[in-house]
């Protein structure tokens, strides 16, 4: 999916003094995890709420009731936020594999990263809604930490609520 993306555009911002934190931004199915795994191969530590929940609570709708998902998302995010701060204190580069769907949350993380001595890069994966639907139809057939089921109704809610980054220092990647 990102075979032709020039990761040097991101890797060129590395520095020994300030750990680089890449913030992924995009709707479900936009390719955030695939892109993040590319950075993981370059030495970044990847933080994922979905994978944290999978590791600590199990499978959505199987090992825990669906009604608990919001509580577990908050719990996982707090754990990962603390891990992010610790990793930055160790000068480790990190990729945050979240959706960052709203500007307020992006701004909070940017401040957290800067206050912790790091620098951030916001990567917005721009995908046409029809492509998202095709990808999610395939993804919904899988059964792993990164295949949280997304219905058409949920996707519609995500698309309506998503705040596209504009003039936030983002790098837009058309996918």
Protein backbone atom coordinates (compact mmCIF):
# COMPACT_ATOMS: atom_id res chain seq x y z
CA UNK A 1 0.00 0.00 0.00
CA UNK A 2 2.85 2.43 0.76
CA UNK A 3 5.53 0.75 -1.33
CA UNK A 4 6.19 3.98 -3.20
CA UNK A 5 6.03 6.37 -0.28
CA UNK A 6 9.35 8.07 0.42
CA UNK A 7 9.75 7.52 4.17
CA UNK A 8 12.86 9.75 4.00
CA UNK A 9 10.39 12.66 4.11
CA UNK A 10 9.74 11.66 7.71
CA UNK A 11 13.05 10.08 8.67
CA UNK A 12 14.87 13.27 7.69
CA UNK A 13 13.36 14.94 10.76
CA UNK A 14 15.15 12.59 13.16
CA UNK A 15 17.45 14.10 15.76
CA UNK A 16 19.49 12.72 18.64
CA UNK A 17 18.37 15.55 20.92
CA UNK A 18 14.61 15.40 20.35
CA UNK A 19 12.79 12.12 19.81
CA UNK A 20 10.49 12.22 16.80
CA UNK A 21 6.87 11.25 17.40
CA UNK A 22 4.73 10.59 14.34
CA UNK A 23 1.02 11.09 14.90
CA UNK A 24 -1.11 9.14 12.43
CA UNK A 25 -4.41 10.74 11.45
CA UNK A 26 -7.18 9.20 9.38
CA UNK A 27 -10.53 7.48 9.33
CA UNK A 28 -10.77 3.74 10.00
CA UNK A 29 -9.44 1.88 6.96
CA UNK A 30 -7.22 4.71 5.76
CA UNK A 31 -4.01 2.70 6.23
CA UNK A 32 -2.71 4.07 9.54
CA UNK A 33 -1.56 0.70 10.84
CA UNK A 34 0.09 -0.29 7.56
CA UNK A 35 1.90 3.06 7.40
CA UNK A 36 2.87 2.80 11.09
CA UNK A 37 4.35 -0.64 10.56
CA UNK A 38 6.58 0.87 7.87
CA UNK A 39 7.96 3.26 10.49
CA UNK A 40 8.26 0.42 12.98
CA UNK A 41 10.68 -1.23 10.54
CA UNK A 42 12.76 1.96 10.77
CA UNK A 43 13.08 1.67 14.56
CA UNK A 44 9.97 3.50 15.77
CA UNK A 45 7.92 2.03 18.61
CA UNK A 46 4.28 1.76 17.54
CA UNK A 47 1.50 2.52 20.02
CA UNK A 48 -2.00 1.23 19.17
CA UNK A 49 -5.15 1.45 21.27
CA UNK A 50 -6.71 -1.50 19.42
CA UNK A 51 -3.68 -3.70 20.08
CA UNK A 52 -3.49 -2.61 23.73
CA UNK A 53 -7.13 -3.60 24.25
CA UNK A 54 -6.58 -6.89 22.42
CA UNK A 55 -3.57 -7.68 24.64
CA UNK A 56 -5.18 -6.70 27.94
CA UNK A 57 -8.90 -7.36 27.48
CA UNK A 58 -9.21 -9.72 24.55
CA UNK A 59 -11.52 -9.64 21.58
CA UNK A 60 -14.27 -7.08 21.12
CA UNK A 61 -17.68 -8.68 21.61
CA UNK A 62 -16.13 -12.06 22.46
CA UNK A 63 -13.95 -11.69 25.56
CA UNK A 64 -15.73 -8.60 26.83
CA UNK A 65 -19.14 -7.05 26.25
CA UNK A 66 -19.43 -4.46 23.48
CA UNK A 67 -20.71 -1.92 26.03
CA UNK A 68 -17.24 -1.84 27.67
CA UNK A 69 -15.36 -0.65 24.58
CA UNK A 70 -15.35 3.09 25.40
CA UNK A 71 -14.14 2.42 28.95
CA UNK A 72 -11.38 0.15 27.64
CA UNK A 73 -10.36 2.66 24.98
CA UNK A 74 -9.87 5.34 27.65
CA UNK A 75 -7.94 2.92 29.84
CA UNK A 76 -5.71 1.85 26.93
CA UNK A 77 -5.07 5.43 25.84
CA UNK A 78 -3.96 6.42 29.33
CA UNK A 79 -1.56 3.46 29.44
CA UNK A 80 -0.17 4.36 26.02
CA UNK A 81 0.12 8.06 26.87
CA UNK A 82 2.27 7.14 29.89
CA UNK A 83 4.33 4.77 27.73
CA UNK A 84 4.80 7.58 25.18
CA UNK A 85 6.18 9.92 27.85
CA UNK A 86 8.56 7.23 29.10
CA UNK A 87 9.72 6.32 25.58
CA UNK A 88 10.44 9.98 24.81
CA UNK A 89 12.45 10.24 28.05
CA UNK A 90 14.55 7.39 26.62
CA UNK A 91 14.95 9.34 23.31
CA UNK A 92 12.99 6.64 21.50
CA UNK A 93 11.13 7.49 18.31
CA UNK A 94 7.43 6.64 18.41
CA UNK A 95 4.55 6.33 15.96
CA UNK A 96 1.12 6.82 17.50
CA UNK A 97 -1.32 4.61 15.57
CA UNK A 98 -4.51 6.43 16.64
CA UNK A 99 -7.12 8.07 14.42
CA UNK A 100 -6.63 11.57 15.89
CA UNK A 101 -10.04 12.44 14.43
CA UNK A 102 -10.44 15.75 16.30
CA UNK A 103 -8.21 18.80 16.38
CA UNK A 104 -8.44 19.28 20.16
CA UNK A 105 -6.95 15.83 20.77
CA UNK A 106 -4.23 16.43 18.18
CA UNK A 107 -3.36 19.71 19.88
CA UNK A 108 -3.21 18.05 23.31
CA UNK A 109 -0.79 15.42 22.03
CA UNK A 110 1.36 17.97 20.21
CA UNK A 111 1.69 19.91 23.47
CA UNK A 112 2.42 16.74 25.44
CA UNK A 113 5.14 15.77 22.97
CA UNK A 114 6.74 19.22 23.00
CA UNK A 115 6.51 19.48 26.81
CA UNK A 116 8.21 16.07 27.05
CA UNK A 117 11.15 17.19 24.91
CA UNK A 118 10.06 15.63 21.65
CA UNK A 119 8.99 16.90 18.27
CA UNK A 120 5.96 15.77 16.35
CA UNK A 121 4.96 15.13 12.78
CA UNK A 122 1.29 14.78 11.88
CA UNK A 123 0.57 12.43 8.97
CA UNK A 124 -2.95 12.68 7.54
CA UNK A 125 -3.93 9.75 5.33
CA UNK A 126 -6.52 11.05 2.90
CA UNK A 127 -8.74 8.36 1.37
CA UNK A 128 -11.95 8.60 -0.65
CA UNK A 129 -14.97 7.20 1.29
CA UNK A 130 -15.68 4.59 -1.43
CA UNK A 131 -12.14 3.24 -1.03
CA UNK A 132 -12.64 3.13 2.75
CA UNK A 133 -15.80 1.07 2.27
CA UNK A 134 -13.97 -1.45 0.08
CA UNK A 135 -11.09 -1.76 2.53
CA UNK A 136 -13.35 -2.09 5.54
CA UNK A 137 -15.41 -4.80 3.85
CA UNK A 138 -12.20 -6.84 3.54
CA UNK A 139 -10.91 -5.90 6.98
CA UNK A 140 -14.20 -6.82 8.66
CA UNK A 141 -13.62 -10.42 7.52
CA UNK A 142 -10.40 -10.65 9.53
CA UNK A 143 -10.24 -11.49 13.21
CA UNK A 144 -7.28 -9.74 14.78
CA UNK A 145 -6.47 -6.74 16.97
CA UNK A 146 -6.58 -4.36 14.02
CA UNK A 147 -9.88 -5.52 12.56
CA UNK A 148 -12.37 -3.86 14.86
CA UNK A 149 -15.67 -4.30 12.95
CA UNK A 150 -16.90 -1.12 11.24
CA UNK A 151 -20.46 -1.09 9.91
CA UNK A 152 -21.69 1.32 7.24
CA UNK A 153 -23.53 3.25 9.96
CA UNK A 154 -20.40 3.53 12.09
CA UNK A 155 -18.30 4.59 9.10
CA UNK A 156 -20.87 7.28 8.29
CA UNK A 157 -20.62 8.57 11.87
CA UNK A 158 -16.82 8.55 11.66
CA UNK A 159 -16.84 10.46 8.38
CA UNK A 160 -19.28 13.07 9.68
CA UNK A 161 -17.33 13.62 12.89
CA UNK A 162 -13.82 13.58 11.42
CA UNK A 163 -12.08 16.95 11.57
CA UNK A 164 -9.69 17.08 8.62
CA UNK A 165 -6.43 18.71 9.67
CA UNK A 166 -5.90 22.04 7.96
CA UNK A 167 -2.95 24.33 8.61
CA UNK A 168 -1.82 22.21 11.56
CA UNK A 169 1.60 21.36 10.17
CA UNK A 170 0.25 18.13 8.69
CA UNK A 171 1.74 16.09 5.90
CA UNK A 172 -1.07 14.86 3.64
CA UNK A 173 -0.61 11.43 2.10
CA UNK A 174 -3.19 10.54 -0.56
CA UNK A 175 -3.92 6.87 -0.21
